[in-house]
Amino acid sequence: MRHGVKVKKWGANAAHRHAMLRSLSTSILLKGLEADPQERVVRTTLLKAKMVRSLVDRLITYAKKGDLAARRQAARFVMDPKVLKGLFDTIGPRYASRNGGYTRVLKLGNYRAGDAAEMALVGLVEDQVP
């Protein structure tokens, strides 16, 4: 029985899960910095998209605070220093008036050929989605 177990394991150990979530959240933020609105989404599995949504929202909340402690907290998670700078300089001020829900997950309705995993698009909310 799974009483009290709150994390989905993905068949991977904790270090691998943490690395995948860090990489995916950095990719989403990097795509959010791009100029072309059609390229601001990341295609991934539905489960990964749902799990990374709360992490990206937390990082944007840190960017809205903008102080040194928030920057250090975000730096622990974001893998690229350029993305970290863009998060605090561009993305944080963009969502200054929004109270939450900075990411969007859209089901694609198709399944990956190798393992039949349901696919989804994940991106920032105020961006255009193709």
Protein backbone atom coordinates (compact mmCIF):
# COMPACT_ATOMS: atom_id res chain seq x y z
CA MET A 1 0.00 0.00 0.00
CA ARG A 2 1.07 3.56 -0.69
CA HIS A 3 -0.19 5.29 2.43
CA GLY A 4 1.29 8.77 2.79
CA VAL A 5 3.51 8.52 -0.29
CA LYS A 6 3.23 11.83 -2.12
CA VAL A 7 5.90 11.64 -4.80
CA LYS A 8 5.52 9.83 -8.11
CA LYS A 9 8.65 7.78 -8.69
CA TRP A 10 8.78 7.49 -12.51
CA GLY A 11 10.82 4.32 -12.05
CA ALA A 12 13.86 6.44 -11.18
CA ASN A 13 15.73 7.16 -7.98
CA ALA A 14 15.47 10.52 -6.23
CA ALA A 15 18.64 12.00 -7.71
CA HIS A 16 17.54 11.19 -11.26
CA ARG A 17 14.05 12.63 -10.66
CA HIS A 18 15.54 15.80 -9.18
CA ALA A 19 17.94 16.22 -12.12
CA MET A 20 15.15 15.70 -14.67
CA LEU A 21 12.94 18.28 -12.97
CA ARG A 22 15.78 20.80 -12.76
CA SER A 23 16.60 20.32 -16.42
CA LEU A 24 12.98 20.54 -17.55
CA SER A 25 12.25 23.65 -15.47
CA THR A 26 15.41 25.34 -16.81
CA SER A 27 14.28 24.49 -20.36
CA ILE A 28 10.82 25.96 -19.75
CA LEU A 29 12.30 29.18 -18.39
CA LEU A 30 14.78 29.34 -21.28
CA LYS A 31 11.95 28.94 -23.77
CA GLY A 32 10.01 31.66 -21.91
CA LEU A 33 12.85 34.08 -22.62
CA GLU A 34 12.78 33.54 -26.40
CA ALA A 35 11.49 36.26 -28.70
CA ASP A 36 9.29 34.08 -30.93
CA PRO A 37 5.97 33.30 -29.16
CA GLN A 38 5.53 30.10 -31.18
CA GLU A 39 8.71 28.62 -29.71
CA ARG A 40 7.96 29.23 -26.02
CA VAL A 41 6.64 25.78 -25.12
CA VAL A 42 8.30 22.48 -24.25
CA ARG A 43 6.93 19.13 -25.37
CA THR A 44 7.11 16.47 -22.66
CA THR A 45 5.02 13.74 -21.05
CA LEU A 46 1.89 14.71 -19.17
CA LEU A 47 3.19 13.42 -15.84
CA LYS A 48 6.43 15.39 -16.09
CA ALA A 49 4.53 18.50 -17.15
CA LYS A 50 2.24 18.28 -14.14
CA MET A 51 5.14 17.76 -11.76
CA VAL A 52 7.30 20.58 -13.12
CA ARG A 53 4.43 23.08 -13.13
CA SER A 54 4.61 23.75 -9.38
CA LEU A 55 8.40 24.04 -9.45
CA VAL A 56 8.40 26.65 -12.22
CA ASP A 57 5.67 28.57 -10.41
CA ARG A 58 7.82 28.62 -7.28
CA LEU A 59 10.83 29.89 -9.25
CA ILE A 60 8.77 32.72 -10.76
CA THR A 61 7.55 33.62 -7.29
CA TYR A 62 11.18 33.88 -6.17
CA ALA A 63 11.84 36.13 -9.18
CA LYS A 64 8.93 38.37 -8.20
CA LYS A 65 10.46 38.84 -4.74
CA GLY A 66 13.76 39.77 -6.32
CA ASP A 67 15.91 39.94 -3.18
CA LEU A 68 19.24 38.21 -2.64
CA ALA A 69 17.80 35.32 -0.64
CA ALA A 70 15.26 34.57 -3.37
CA ARG A 71 17.99 34.72 -6.02
CA ARG A 72 20.10 32.23 -4.06
CA GLN A 73 17.12 29.89 -3.60
CA ALA A 74 16.43 29.97 -7.33
CA ALA A 75 20.14 29.50 -8.12
CA ARG A 76 20.05 26.21 -6.24
CA PHE A 77 17.54 24.89 -8.76
CA VAL A 78 18.15 26.65 -12.11
CA MET A 79 21.03 25.06 -14.00
CA ASP A 80 22.06 27.94 -16.28
CA PRO A 81 23.27 31.34 -14.99
CA LYS A 82 21.89 33.10 -18.10
CA VAL A 83 18.43 31.64 -17.43
CA LEU A 84 18.68 32.74 -13.79
CA LYS A 85 19.50 36.29 -14.86
CA GLY A 86 16.63 36.29 -17.38
CA LEU A 87 14.28 34.90 -14.74
CA PHE A 88 14.93 37.80 -12.39
CA ASP A 89 15.30 40.53 -15.06
CA THR A 90 12.55 39.59 -17.52
CA ILE A 91 10.14 36.90 -16.33
CA GLY A 92 9.71 38.13 -12.74
CA PRO A 93 8.63 41.66 -13.70
CA ARG A 94 6.39 40.26 -16.47
CA TYR A 95 4.28 38.45 -13.85
CA ALA A 96 4.46 41.12 -11.12
CA SER A 97 0.70 41.75 -11.16
CA ARG A 98 -0.31 38.06 -11.38
CA ASN A 99 -1.01 36.15 -8.18
CA GLY A 100 -0.09 32.66 -9.32
CA GLY A 101 -0.61 30.07 -12.02
CA TYR A 102 2.26 31.11 -14.25
CA THR A 103 2.44 27.88 -16.26
CA ARG A 104 0.04 26.13 -18.59
CA VAL A 105 -0.15 22.42 -19.39
CA LEU A 106 -1.98 21.46 -22.59
CA LYS A 107 -2.64 17.82 -23.42
CA LEU A 108 -1.71 17.01 -26.99
CA GLY A 109 -4.01 14.02 -27.26
CA ASN A 110 -1.37 11.78 -28.80
CA TYR A 111 0.92 9.20 -27.30
CA ARG A 112 4.65 8.60 -27.63
CA ALA A 113 5.46 5.71 -29.94
CA GLY A 114 7.97 3.95 -27.70
CA ASP A 115 6.04 3.62 -24.44
CA ALA A 116 2.58 5.09 -25.14
CA ALA A 117 3.11 7.94 -22.67
CA GLU A 118 0.58 10.75 -23.05
CA MET A 119 2.26 13.90 -24.37
CA ALA A 120 1.67 17.51 -23.38
CA LEU A 121 2.95 21.03 -23.97
CA VAL A 122 4.07 23.10 -21.00
CA GLY A 123 4.85 26.79 -21.17
CA LEU A 124 4.34 30.13 -19.49
CA VAL A 125 0.78 31.44 -19.34
CA GLU A 126 0.82 34.78 -21.12
CA ASP A 127 2.66 33.42 -24.12
CA GLN A 128 0.97 32.26 -27.30
CA VAL A 129 0.70 28.50 -27.71
CA PRO A 130 0.65 27.02 -31.24
